[in-house]
Protein backbone atom coordinates (compact mmCIF):
# COMPACT_ATOMS: atom_id res chain seq x y z
CA MET A 1 22.69 53.10 27.69
CA ALA A 2 25.15 53.51 24.98
CA ILE A 3 22.36 52.42 22.36
CA ARG A 4 20.08 54.85 23.84
CA MET A 5 22.42 57.83 23.48
CA LEU A 6 22.92 57.33 19.77
CA VAL A 7 19.13 57.16 19.14
CA PRO A 8 17.28 60.90 18.82
CA ARG A 9 14.72 61.51 21.26
CA HIS A 10 11.92 61.59 18.78
CA ARG A 11 12.93 58.20 17.45
CA ARG A 12 12.80 56.70 20.76
CA ILE A 13 9.07 57.73 21.30
CA ALA A 14 8.15 56.36 18.05
CA LEU A 15 9.77 52.97 19.01
CA VAL A 16 7.92 52.88 22.41
CA LEU A 17 4.82 53.54 20.52
CA LEU A 18 5.27 50.81 18.14
CA VAL A 19 6.20 48.34 20.94
CA LEU A 20 2.94 49.10 22.72
CA SER A 21 0.99 48.61 19.57
CA VAL A 22 2.29 44.99 18.96
CA MET A 23 1.80 44.21 22.91
CA SER A 24 -2.11 45.33 22.38
CA GLY A 25 -2.34 43.39 19.26
CA ALA A 26 -1.00 40.34 21.04
CA ARG A 27 -3.55 40.53 23.89
CA ALA A 28 -6.20 40.87 21.33
CA GLN A 29 -5.24 37.91 19.62
CA GLU A 30 -5.23 35.99 22.64
CA ALA A 31 -8.61 37.47 23.72
CA ARG A 32 -10.13 36.13 20.35
CA GLN A 33 -13.09 33.80 20.74
CA PRO A 34 -12.54 30.24 19.81
CA GLY A 35 -15.44 30.37 17.06
CA GLN A 36 -13.84 33.26 15.30
CA PRO A 37 -11.49 32.65 12.18
CA GLN A 38 -7.70 31.58 12.63
CA PRO A 39 -4.97 33.04 10.80
CA PRO A 40 -3.96 30.78 7.93
CA ALA A 41 -1.52 27.99 8.76
CA ALA A 42 2.05 28.64 7.74
CA PRO A 43 3.27 26.81 4.21
CA SER A 44 5.07 24.15 5.96
CA GLU A 45 1.79 23.43 8.25
CA GLN A 46 -0.42 23.49 4.64
CA LYS A 47 1.82 21.00 3.14
CA ALA A 48 1.33 18.57 6.11
CA GLY A 49 -2.35 18.53 4.90
CA ALA A 50 -5.46 20.36 6.11
CA SER A 51 -6.48 17.33 7.72
CA GLU A 52 -3.86 17.41 10.29
CA ARG A 53 -4.71 20.91 11.41
CA GLY A 54 -6.98 21.62 14.82
CA THR A 55 -6.23 20.50 17.94
CA ALA A 56 -7.88 18.24 20.70
CA SER A 57 -8.10 20.82 22.80
CA ASN A 58 -10.23 23.05 20.57
CA PRO A 59 -13.79 21.49 20.52
CA GLN A 60 -15.02 23.16 17.56
CA SER A 61 -11.97 22.73 15.44
CA VAL A 62 -12.05 18.99 16.27
CA GLU A 63 -15.65 19.34 15.27
CA GLN A 64 -15.02 20.92 11.81
CA ARG A 65 -12.32 18.13 11.13
CA ARG A 66 -14.76 15.25 12.08
CA LEU A 67 -16.09 12.80 8.97
CA PRO A 68 -19.87 12.83 8.64
CA PRO A 69 -22.14 10.08 9.95
CA ASP A 70 -22.21 6.89 8.19
CA SER A 71 -24.24 6.28 5.46
CA THR A 72 -26.07 3.16 4.74
CA THR A 73 -27.28 1.97 1.35
CA LYS A 74 -29.10 -0.95 -0.08
CA HIS A 75 -27.74 -2.39 -3.54
CA THR A 76 -28.94 -5.36 -6.04
CA LEU A 77 -26.01 -6.57 -8.08
CA THR A 78 -26.45 -8.59 -11.31
CA LEU A 79 -23.82 -10.79 -12.12
CA PRO A 80 -23.75 -13.65 -14.55
CA GLY A 81 -25.57 -16.53 -12.76
CA ARG A 82 -26.23 -14.56 -10.17
CA THR A 83 -27.89 -11.54 -8.18
CA LEU A 84 -26.79 -10.37 -5.05
CA ASP A 85 -28.67 -7.82 -2.72
CA PHE A 86 -26.70 -6.29 -0.25
CA THR A 87 -25.89 -3.37 2.27
CA ALA A 88 -23.20 -0.67 1.86
CA THR A 89 -22.18 1.45 4.76
CA ALA A 90 -19.32 4.22 3.93
CA GLY A 91 -18.42 5.81 7.30
CA SER A 92 -15.78 5.80 9.97
CA ILE A 93 -14.26 4.66 13.03
CA ARG A 94 -13.18 7.02 15.49
CA LEU A 95 -9.97 6.82 17.70
CA PHE A 96 -9.24 8.26 20.83
CA ASP A 97 -6.14 8.76 23.12
CA ASP A 98 -5.97 7.51 26.79
CA LYS A 99 -7.58 10.43 28.03
CA GLY A 100 -10.84 10.20 25.78
CA GLU A 101 -9.57 12.77 23.32
CA PRO A 102 -10.45 12.29 19.67
CA GLN A 103 -7.38 11.65 17.51
CA ALA A 104 -8.45 10.46 14.26
CA ASP A 105 -11.24 9.32 11.86
CA VAL A 106 -10.65 5.95 9.84
CA ALA A 107 -12.80 5.81 6.76
CA ILE A 108 -14.29 2.39 6.11
CA THR A 109 -16.34 0.94 3.27
CA ALA A 110 -18.12 -2.19 4.07
CA TYR A 111 -20.02 -4.46 2.11
CA GLN A 112 -22.86 -7.12 3.95
CA LEU A 113 -24.95 -9.69 1.86
CA ASN A 114 -28.32 -9.53 2.85
CA ASP A 115 -30.24 -12.04 4.74
CA THR A 116 -27.11 -14.07 6.14
CA ASP A 117 -26.39 -15.69 9.54
CA ALA A 118 -23.95 -13.01 10.92
CA ARG A 119 -22.27 -16.02 12.97
CA THR A 120 -21.14 -18.21 10.29
CA ARG A 121 -20.79 -15.55 7.66
CA PRO A 122 -17.01 -14.78 7.25
CA VAL A 123 -15.99 -10.90 7.15
CA THR A 124 -12.95 -9.81 5.59
CA PHE A 125 -10.69 -6.85 6.34
CA LEU A 126 -8.73 -5.19 3.21
CA PHE A 127 -6.18 -2.60 3.06
CA ASN A 128 -3.45 -1.62 0.73
CA GLY A 129 0.15 -0.35 1.39
CA GLY A 130 2.29 2.60 0.71
CA PRO A 131 2.38 3.50 3.40
CA GLY A 132 0.35 6.26 2.39
CA ALA A 133 -2.10 4.24 0.00
CA ALA A 134 -5.82 3.88 0.36
CA SER A 135 -7.70 0.42 -0.05
CA ALA A 136 -8.96 1.15 -4.00
CA TRP A 137 -6.88 -0.87 -5.47
CA LEU A 138 -8.21 -3.97 -3.84
CA GLN A 139 -11.97 -2.59 -3.91
CA PHE A 140 -11.86 -1.69 -7.43
CA GLY A 141 -9.35 -3.91 -8.54
CA ALA A 142 -10.23 -7.32 -7.10
CA ALA A 143 -12.77 -7.82 -4.46
CA GLY A 144 -15.24 -5.26 -4.41
CA PRO A 145 -18.95 -5.44 -6.04
CA TRP A 146 -17.80 -3.08 -8.67
CA ARG A 147 -14.68 -2.93 -10.69
CA LEU A 148 -12.53 -0.46 -12.74
CA ALA A 149 -10.83 -1.76 -15.82
CA ILE A 150 -7.34 -1.07 -14.64
CA ASN A 151 -5.10 -3.51 -16.79
CA ALA A 152 -1.88 -1.98 -16.50
CA ASP A 153 -1.15 -2.51 -20.48
CA ALA A 154 -4.10 -0.67 -21.63
CA VAL A 155 -5.15 2.10 -18.90
CA THR A 156 -4.38 5.47 -19.36
CA SER A 157 -4.69 8.72 -17.18
CA SER A 158 -7.42 9.73 -19.19
CA ALA A 159 -9.38 6.68 -19.38
CA SER A 160 -13.11 6.53 -18.09
CA PRO A 161 -13.61 5.89 -14.41
CA ASP A 162 -16.68 4.07 -14.91
CA LEU A 163 -17.28 1.30 -12.71
CA LEU A 164 -19.06 -2.09 -13.52
CA PRO A 165 -20.17 -4.80 -12.01
CA ASN A 166 -17.31 -6.97 -10.75
CA ALA A 167 -18.29 -10.80 -11.63
CA GLU A 168 -15.12 -11.78 -9.41
CA THR A 169 -16.21 -10.05 -6.47
CA TRP A 170 -15.57 -12.02 -3.08
CA LEU A 171 -19.07 -10.63 -1.88
CA ASP A 172 -20.22 -14.11 -2.86
CA PHE A 173 -18.71 -15.81 0.05
CA THR A 174 -17.72 -12.99 2.61
CA ASP A 175 -18.72 -9.69 3.62
CA LEU A 176 -15.94 -6.97 3.05
CA VAL A 177 -14.75 -4.01 5.26
CA PHE A 178 -12.15 -1.73 3.04
CA ILE A 179 -9.74 0.21 5.53
CA ASP A 180 -8.07 3.35 4.73
CA PRO A 181 -5.50 4.25 7.15
CA VAL A 182 -4.99 7.54 8.73
CA GLY A 183 -3.80 10.12 5.55
CA THR A 184 -5.35 8.12 3.13
CA GLY A 185 -8.93 8.12 1.29
CA TYR A 186 -10.68 10.44 3.34
CA SER A 187 -8.92 9.52 6.55
CA ARG A 188 -7.89 12.18 8.56
CA LEU A 189 -6.37 13.04 12.25
CA LEU A 190 -8.43 15.06 14.13
CA ALA A 191 -5.57 16.23 16.66
CA SER A 192 -2.66 17.85 15.77
CA GLY A 193 0.95 18.01 16.42
CA ASP A 194 4.34 16.36 16.05
CA GLU A 195 3.22 13.58 18.90
CA VAL A 196 0.00 12.37 17.04
CA ARG A 197 1.40 12.69 13.56
CA LYS A 198 4.70 10.26 14.93
CA ARG A 199 2.01 7.73 16.47
CA PHE A 200 -0.14 7.03 13.34
CA TYR A 201 2.74 7.43 10.68
CA SER A 202 4.89 4.86 12.25
CA VAL A 203 5.09 1.07 11.87
CA ASP A 204 3.59 0.25 15.31
CA GLY A 205 1.16 3.08 15.69
CA ASP A 206 -0.08 2.11 12.14
CA VAL A 207 -0.63 -1.53 13.31
CA ASN A 208 -2.32 -0.60 16.66
CA ALA A 209 -4.70 1.86 14.78
CA ILE A 210 -5.73 -0.63 12.26
CA ALA A 211 -6.27 -3.55 14.67
CA LEU A 212 -8.31 -1.03 16.73
CA VAL A 213 -10.48 0.02 14.05
CA ILE A 214 -11.10 -3.66 13.03
CA ARG A 215 -12.12 -4.79 16.58
CA ARG A 216 -14.25 -1.52 16.76
CA TRP A 217 -16.27 -2.38 13.99
CA LEU A 218 -16.82 -6.08 14.86
CA GLU A 219 -18.38 -4.60 18.17
CA LYS A 220 -20.19 -1.99 16.52
CA SER A 221 -21.62 -4.12 13.83
CA ASP A 222 -22.21 -7.14 16.00
CA ARG A 223 -19.91 -9.31 14.36
CA LEU A 224 -17.46 -10.53 17.18
CA LEU A 225 -18.96 -14.15 16.22
CA SER A 226 -18.11 -14.29 12.51
CA PRO A 227 -14.85 -15.88 10.99
CA LYS A 228 -12.69 -13.15 10.39
CA PHE A 229 -9.98 -12.68 7.65
CA VAL A 230 -7.50 -10.14 6.99
CA VAL A 231 -5.76 -9.09 3.56
CA GLY A 232 -2.94 -6.76 3.12
CA GLU A 233 -1.37 -5.89 -0.29
CA SER A 234 2.10 -4.66 -0.75
CA TYR A 235 3.31 -2.65 2.71
CA GLY A 236 0.37 -4.78 3.97
CA GLY A 237 2.99 -7.59 3.89
CA ILE A 238 4.53 -5.82 7.02
CA ARG A 239 1.18 -4.46 8.30
CA GLY A 240 -0.67 -7.86 8.02
CA PRO A 241 1.02 -10.24 10.29
CA LYS A 242 1.59 -7.45 12.61
CA ILE A 243 -2.12 -6.64 12.66
CA VAL A 244 -2.97 -10.31 13.10
CA ARG A 245 -0.61 -10.92 16.17
CA ASN A 246 -2.19 -7.50 17.67
CA LEU A 247 -5.59 -8.64 16.79
CA GLN A 248 -4.74 -12.12 18.88
CA VAL A 249 -2.84 -10.71 21.89
CA ASP A 250 -3.83 -7.28 22.49
CA GLN A 251 -7.61 -6.82 21.19
CA GLY A 252 -8.89 -10.47 21.54
CA VAL A 253 -10.01 -11.13 18.53
CA GLY A 254 -8.97 -14.57 16.68
CA VAL A 255 -8.41 -14.54 12.56
CA ARG A 256 -9.26 -17.69 10.80
CA GLY A 257 -6.79 -16.70 7.66
CA LEU A 258 -4.38 -14.04 6.33
CA ILE A 259 -4.00 -13.26 2.71
CA LEU A 260 -1.25 -11.25 1.30
CA VAL A 261 -0.87 -9.61 -1.97
CA SER A 262 2.15 -8.78 -3.71
CA PRO A 263 3.75 -8.52 0.12
CA LEU A 264 7.02 -6.88 1.42
CA PHE A 265 8.07 -9.19 4.11
CA ASP A 266 11.63 -7.69 4.90
CA TYR A 267 13.10 -4.29 4.08
CA ARG A 268 16.45 -5.78 5.03
CA GLU A 269 17.05 -7.54 1.74
CA PHE A 270 16.34 -4.78 -0.70
CA THR A 271 18.81 -2.50 0.97
CA GLY A 272 22.56 -1.88 1.15
CA SER A 273 24.99 -4.19 -0.02
CA SER A 274 22.36 -7.35 0.68
CA LEU A 275 23.23 -9.76 -2.39
CA LEU A 276 19.94 -11.23 -1.76
CA GLN A 277 18.24 -8.44 -3.77
CA TYR A 278 19.94 -9.48 -7.02
CA VAL A 279 18.79 -13.15 -5.99
CA TRP A 280 15.38 -12.11 -5.65
CA SER A 281 14.53 -9.97 -8.60
CA LEU A 282 16.46 -12.13 -11.50
CA PRO A 283 13.69 -14.51 -12.17
CA SER A 284 10.93 -11.78 -12.53
CA MET A 285 13.65 -9.74 -15.15
CA ALA A 286 13.86 -13.00 -16.96
CA ALA A 287 10.09 -13.65 -16.84
CA VAL A 288 9.84 -10.30 -18.74
CA ALA A 289 12.41 -11.09 -21.23
CA ARG A 290 10.55 -14.27 -21.88
CA GLU A 291 7.14 -12.60 -21.93
CA ALA A 292 8.28 -10.22 -24.69
CA LYS A 293 9.71 -13.13 -26.65
CA ALA A 294 6.49 -15.11 -26.72
CA ALA A 295 4.78 -12.11 -27.51
CA ARG A 296 6.89 -11.34 -30.48
CA GLU A 297 6.56 -15.20 -31.75
CA THR A 298 2.65 -15.22 -30.60
CA GLU A 299 3.39 -17.88 -28.27
CA GLY A 300 1.28 -18.40 -25.10
CA ALA A 301 1.78 -16.27 -21.66
CA VAL A 302 4.99 -16.91 -19.75
CA THR A 303 4.30 -18.82 -16.31
CA ARG A 304 6.15 -19.73 -13.10
CA ALA A 305 6.50 -23.24 -14.31
CA ASP A 306 8.43 -21.85 -17.32
CA LEU A 307 10.64 -20.14 -14.93
CA ALA A 308 12.00 -23.28 -13.24
CA ASP A 309 15.38 -23.29 -14.76
CA VAL A 310 15.73 -19.51 -13.78
CA GLU A 311 15.02 -20.22 -10.08
CA ARG A 312 17.57 -23.08 -10.07
CA TYR A 313 20.09 -20.73 -11.00
CA ALA A 314 19.25 -17.92 -8.75
CA GLN A 315 19.61 -19.73 -5.71
CA GLY A 316 22.57 -21.99 -7.06
CA GLU A 317 25.26 -21.04 -9.41
CA PHE A 318 24.37 -17.41 -9.53
CA LEU A 319 24.44 -16.84 -5.84
CA ALA A 320 27.73 -19.09 -5.74
CA ASP A 321 29.32 -16.56 -8.14
CA LEU A 322 27.68 -13.46 -6.32
CA ILE A 323 29.17 -14.35 -3.20
CA LYS A 324 32.69 -14.78 -4.74
CA GLY A 325 33.03 -11.30 -5.41
CA SER A 326 34.61 -8.94 -8.11
CA ALA A 327 37.87 -10.32 -7.13
CA ASP A 328 36.97 -13.29 -8.86
CA GLY A 329 36.98 -12.29 -12.60
CA ALA A 330 35.76 -15.59 -13.96
CA ALA A 331 32.95 -15.84 -11.73
CA THR A 332 31.91 -12.29 -12.22
CA THR A 333 32.20 -12.48 -16.30
CA ARG A 334 30.54 -15.77 -16.15
CA LEU A 335 27.42 -14.47 -14.16
CA ALA A 336 27.40 -11.10 -16.22
CA ASP A 337 26.86 -13.25 -19.38
CA LYS A 338 24.33 -15.61 -17.92
CA VAL A 339 22.27 -12.68 -16.82
CA ALA A 340 22.45 -10.97 -19.99
CA ALA A 341 21.33 -14.17 -21.86
CA LEU A 342 18.29 -14.58 -19.26
CA THR A 343 17.04 -10.85 -19.11
CA GLY A 344 17.96 -9.49 -22.61
CA ILE A 345 20.03 -7.05 -21.46
CA ASP A 346 22.97 -6.03 -23.57
CA GLN A 347 26.04 -8.30 -22.54
CA ALA A 348 28.38 -5.14 -22.45
CA VAL A 349 26.25 -3.37 -20.16
CA SER A 350 25.67 -6.58 -17.96
CA ARG A 351 29.51 -6.94 -17.68
CA ARG A 352 29.95 -3.21 -16.79
CA LEU A 353 27.51 -3.64 -14.03
CA ALA A 354 29.10 -6.90 -12.92
CA GLY A 355 25.93 -8.56 -13.32
CA ARG A 356 24.30 -7.13 -10.64
CA LEU A 357 21.11 -5.32 -12.22
CA ALA A 358 19.64 -2.94 -9.77
CA VAL A 359 15.80 -2.58 -10.70
CA GLY A 360 16.15 0.61 -12.07
CA GLU A 361 19.23 -0.44 -14.20
CA PHE A 362 17.07 -2.96 -15.84
CA ARG A 363 14.06 -1.23 -16.00
CA ARG A 364 16.11 1.82 -18.42
CA GLU A 365 18.34 -0.60 -20.19
CA PHE A 366 15.84 -3.54 -21.26
CA ASP A 367 14.34 -1.61 -24.32
CA ARG A 368 16.73 1.64 -24.45
CA ARG A 369 17.22 1.13 -27.86
CA ASN A 370 13.40 2.19 -28.37
CA GLY A 371 13.76 4.90 -26.10
CA LYS A 372 11.19 2.77 -23.39
CA VAL A 373 11.45 1.99 -19.95
CA THR A 374 9.66 -0.80 -18.23
CA GLY A 375 7.44 -0.60 -15.31
CA ARG A 376 8.23 -1.15 -11.86
CA TYR A 377 4.84 -2.67 -10.77
CA ASP A 378 4.47 -4.70 -14.06
CA ALA A 379 7.64 -4.96 -16.27
CA SER A 380 5.77 -6.20 -18.89
CA VAL A 381 4.51 -2.95 -19.52
CA SER A 382 6.38 -0.39 -21.12
CA GLY A 383 6.37 3.54 -21.90
CA PHE A 384 8.37 6.27 -23.34
CA ASP A 385 11.50 7.51 -21.44
CA PRO A 386 10.96 11.27 -21.17
CA TYR A 387 14.65 12.01 -20.99
CA PRO A 388 16.11 9.13 -23.52
CA ASP A 389 19.38 10.69 -23.30
CA SER A 390 20.04 11.79 -19.85
CA SER A 391 22.69 10.13 -17.68
CA PHE A 392 20.40 10.04 -15.13
CA HIS A 393 17.24 8.28 -14.44
CA ARG A 394 14.33 10.45 -14.81
CA PHE A 395 11.40 8.42 -15.20
CA GLY A 396 8.10 7.49 -13.74
CA ASP A 397 6.21 3.99 -13.67
CA PRO A 398 4.47 3.47 -16.96
CA SER A 399 2.59 0.39 -15.39
CA GLY A 400 1.57 2.52 -12.05
CA GLU A 401 1.14 6.36 -12.35
CA PRO A 402 -1.47 6.05 -15.47
CA LEU A 403 -3.87 4.49 -12.80
CA ALA A 404 -3.78 7.42 -10.23
CA ALA A 405 -6.57 9.47 -12.00
CA PRO A 406 -9.18 6.89 -12.99
CA LEU A 407 -8.75 5.01 -9.38
CA THR A 408 -9.25 8.72 -7.56
CA SER A 409 -12.03 9.55 -9.67
CA ALA A 410 -14.08 6.39 -9.41
CA ALA A 411 -13.44 6.32 -5.55
CA VAL A 412 -15.02 9.93 -5.21
CA ASP A 413 -17.84 9.13 -7.70
CA LEU A 414 -18.62 5.73 -5.79
CA THR A 415 -18.53 7.46 -2.27
CA THR A 416 -20.46 10.50 -2.79
CA ARG A 417 -22.87 9.47 -5.61
CA LYS A 418 -23.71 5.69 -5.07
CA LEU A 419 -22.92 5.49 -1.28
CA ASN A 420 -24.37 8.79 -0.40
CA TRP A 421 -21.40 9.80 1.71
CA ARG A 422 -19.50 13.11 1.39
CA PRO A 423 -16.97 14.23 3.47
CA ASP A 424 -15.26 17.54 3.15
CA GLY A 425 -11.61 17.84 1.86
CA SER A 426 -9.69 15.85 -0.84
CA TYR A 427 -9.64 12.26 -1.23
CA HIS A 428 -6.04 10.93 -0.89
CA LEU A 429 -5.46 7.59 -3.24
CA LEU A 430 -1.61 7.68 -2.65
CA ASN A 431 -0.47 10.43 -0.13
CA GLY A 432 3.23 11.21 -0.38
CA ALA A 433 3.42 13.49 2.66
CA VAL A 434 2.56 10.31 4.75
CA HIS A 435 5.08 8.26 3.57
CA GLY A 436 7.50 11.31 3.79
CA ALA A 437 6.32 11.44 7.25
CA TRP A 438 6.63 7.76 8.13
CA ASP A 439 8.72 6.39 10.92
CA PHE A 440 10.26 2.90 9.79
CA GLY A 441 12.32 2.80 12.92
CA ARG A 442 15.47 3.82 11.80
CA GLY A 443 18.69 2.24 13.04
CA ILE A 444 19.96 -1.48 12.61
CA ASN A 445 16.45 -3.06 12.69
CA PRO A 446 14.62 -2.21 9.39
CA PRO A 447 10.91 -3.14 9.41
CA GLU A 448 10.25 -7.01 8.71
CA SER A 449 7.18 -9.02 9.45
CA ILE A 450 8.56 -12.48 9.35
CA SER A 451 8.97 -12.73 13.19
CA GLN A 452 5.21 -12.12 13.55
CA LEU A 453 4.32 -14.36 10.61
CA ARG A 454 6.06 -17.03 12.61
CA GLN A 455 4.34 -16.06 16.22
CA ILE A 456 1.00 -16.00 14.73
CA LEU A 457 1.29 -19.50 12.76
CA ALA A 458 2.79 -20.90 16.12
CA LEU A 459 -0.05 -19.59 18.21
CA ASP A 460 -3.13 -20.59 16.05
CA PRO A 461 -2.31 -24.20 14.37
CA LYS A 462 -5.62 -23.48 12.39
CA LEU A 463 -4.53 -20.06 10.90
CA LYS A 464 -4.14 -20.43 7.12
CA LEU A 465 -1.79 -17.93 5.04
CA LEU A 466 -2.14 -17.22 0.99
CA VAL A 467 0.64 -15.25 -0.64
CA ALA A 468 -0.27 -14.35 -3.95
CA HIS A 469 2.37 -12.56 -6.62
CA GLY A 470 2.49 -11.51 -10.16
CA LEU A 471 5.59 -12.69 -12.02
CA PHE A 472 6.54 -9.26 -13.79
CA ASP A 473 6.48 -7.42 -10.26
CA LEU A 474 9.92 -5.80 -9.91
CA ALA A 475 8.47 -3.67 -6.40
CA THR A 476 7.94 -6.91 -4.72
CA PRO A 477 9.44 -9.84 -6.58
CA TYR A 478 7.65 -13.36 -5.81
CA PHE A 479 10.95 -14.96 -5.32
CA GLY A 480 11.89 -13.23 -2.44
CA SER A 481 8.77 -14.57 -0.80
CA LYS A 482 8.96 -17.90 -1.86
CA ILE A 483 12.78 -17.73 -0.18
CA LEU A 484 11.40 -16.31 2.66
CA LEU A 485 8.43 -18.86 3.13
CA ASP A 486 10.76 -21.59 2.66
CA GLN A 487 12.53 -20.62 5.83
CA LEU A 488 9.39 -21.21 8.16
CA PRO A 489 9.39 -24.20 10.27
CA ALA A 490 7.88 -27.51 9.68
CA TYR A 491 4.51 -26.23 11.51
CA ALA A 492 4.18 -24.01 8.59
CA SER A 493 3.09 -26.93 6.23
CA PRO A 494 2.01 -26.60 2.80
CA GLU A 495 -1.61 -27.34 4.03
CA ARG A 496 -1.37 -24.06 5.90
CA VAL A 497 0.77 -21.77 3.82
CA LYS A 498 0.50 -21.36 0.16
CA LEU A 499 2.28 -19.43 -2.65
CA VAL A 500 0.43 -18.66 -5.79
CA VAL A 501 1.96 -16.63 -8.80
CA TYR A 502 0.13 -15.19 -11.54
CA PRO A 503 1.03 -13.57 -14.76
CA GLY A 504 0.66 -10.04 -14.07
CA GLY A 505 2.51 -7.42 -12.15
CA HIS A 506 1.96 -5.90 -8.75
CA MET A 507 -1.55 -5.46 -9.34
CA PHE A 508 -2.04 -8.91 -11.08
CA TYR A 509 -5.60 -9.22 -10.41
CA SER A 510 -6.16 -6.41 -13.20
CA ARG A 511 -5.61 -9.42 -15.55
CA ASP A 512 -8.90 -11.20 -16.23
CA GLY A 513 -7.50 -14.94 -15.79
CA ALA A 514 -5.37 -13.86 -12.84
CA ARG A 515 -8.25 -12.48 -11.16
CA GLN A 516 -10.52 -15.24 -11.57
CA ALA A 517 -7.82 -17.84 -10.49
CA PHE A 518 -7.27 -15.36 -7.30
CA ARG A 519 -10.80 -15.50 -6.31
CA SER A 520 -11.03 -19.34 -6.56
CA GLU A 521 -7.88 -19.61 -4.29
CA VAL A 522 -9.43 -17.14 -1.89
CA GLU A 523 -12.89 -18.83 -1.78
CA THR A 524 -11.26 -22.34 -1.01
CA LEU A 525 -9.26 -20.53 1.76
CA MET A 526 -12.48 -19.47 3.50
CA LYS A 527 -14.08 -22.58 3.28
């Protein structure tokens, strides 16, 4: 009442008319037919990605989001000493909720050799990590019928994305199904809202989705009787054992073998005050220093056998001195000087850091005098530090970032031109929005997969595991996997569980020798 007395009569009338106009517009908006265009999404919604707009309750919106029907094409691949005739299928598997509403389309690329017996012919399902990474690295770097030259020490962002026949393709001995999890490649959500995103962008939801895609593909392709194998890279080390466990118990699908490429098994050892993070990475740092020395002196490539002394030191005297802590000055100086000698880091820097070299510190300090930083995926590769005088670490990864452009272009060109599948929307090689939204299971129990690894090996005595790493990988150092695998019970015998380490980085298969040797190990596993 008091407010009304302060407002002149003609202004009160104008205000009433304005309110009526707004109410009329709102009713008109509610009456808009489903087929009419909707207002543009708010900036925050646009950032989440166009693939996440639309709702399951709006059939036309879901229909617009769906990926196109599968495309099947025939191909002949001429390789040294052999010719492969195969069928390629680019398409998707649709996932539904408990009410039968479409939730997501998961893109797959499958290659099946012609004229084979499906009952005895192995089929292998491959995915990368991230979370938020498409399967292009494994497809175009290691196992697929076509390969992109992605050697980390030679490739640049402007490199040609031409695909060449892959002499080391696995198609000779297994059919291949590459899976792009939701939010990667062309895979997308069909439903919207926080709940559906949380379901797919989480450790358990992601595992359930990929396991279901595998079962659905087997049913759709009449391959339930085939020997089955699973391959995961990087975060695939978390996914892989969990997916195999889900397949065994929830999906009713047995798996003959699990192959993990540069895997991460346990987040706990890379975080906080864990001393094991320094133990795990020390042999790889020493390998980088010895590789650089060998290159200067034109010696042969460094192998894991050349690091036997570093491995012994890392899990012996080094760990013992670490545990004593900085309060023991003699132990700290002793380990700092030894670390400097092994890694090539300046002694004064190593002492300042108490011999506890974090990955970021090593990458910057290793060749700082020349204004260069090493890669994280492959620390034997270096690039210029864009801010060499900065007190802060402000550099990317010279061994990883240059691969993004050629891999993306190659994937899109293959899908649309060779495989004749043309989805709308963008292809996401590495989707940062997915990683940013990922639910890792916050709290006192960060993600780990050793628990599931023990379960799947115990459940099926015939299941085999192959773990492969690169010597110079600082993202997932090989020595960490070695320590964890050593803790498995006796039933995980050397005949069933094998660790192989090659000269190279996270994508060690980009090097010809490593790719050839790795293919041989995989073929042996599948026999």
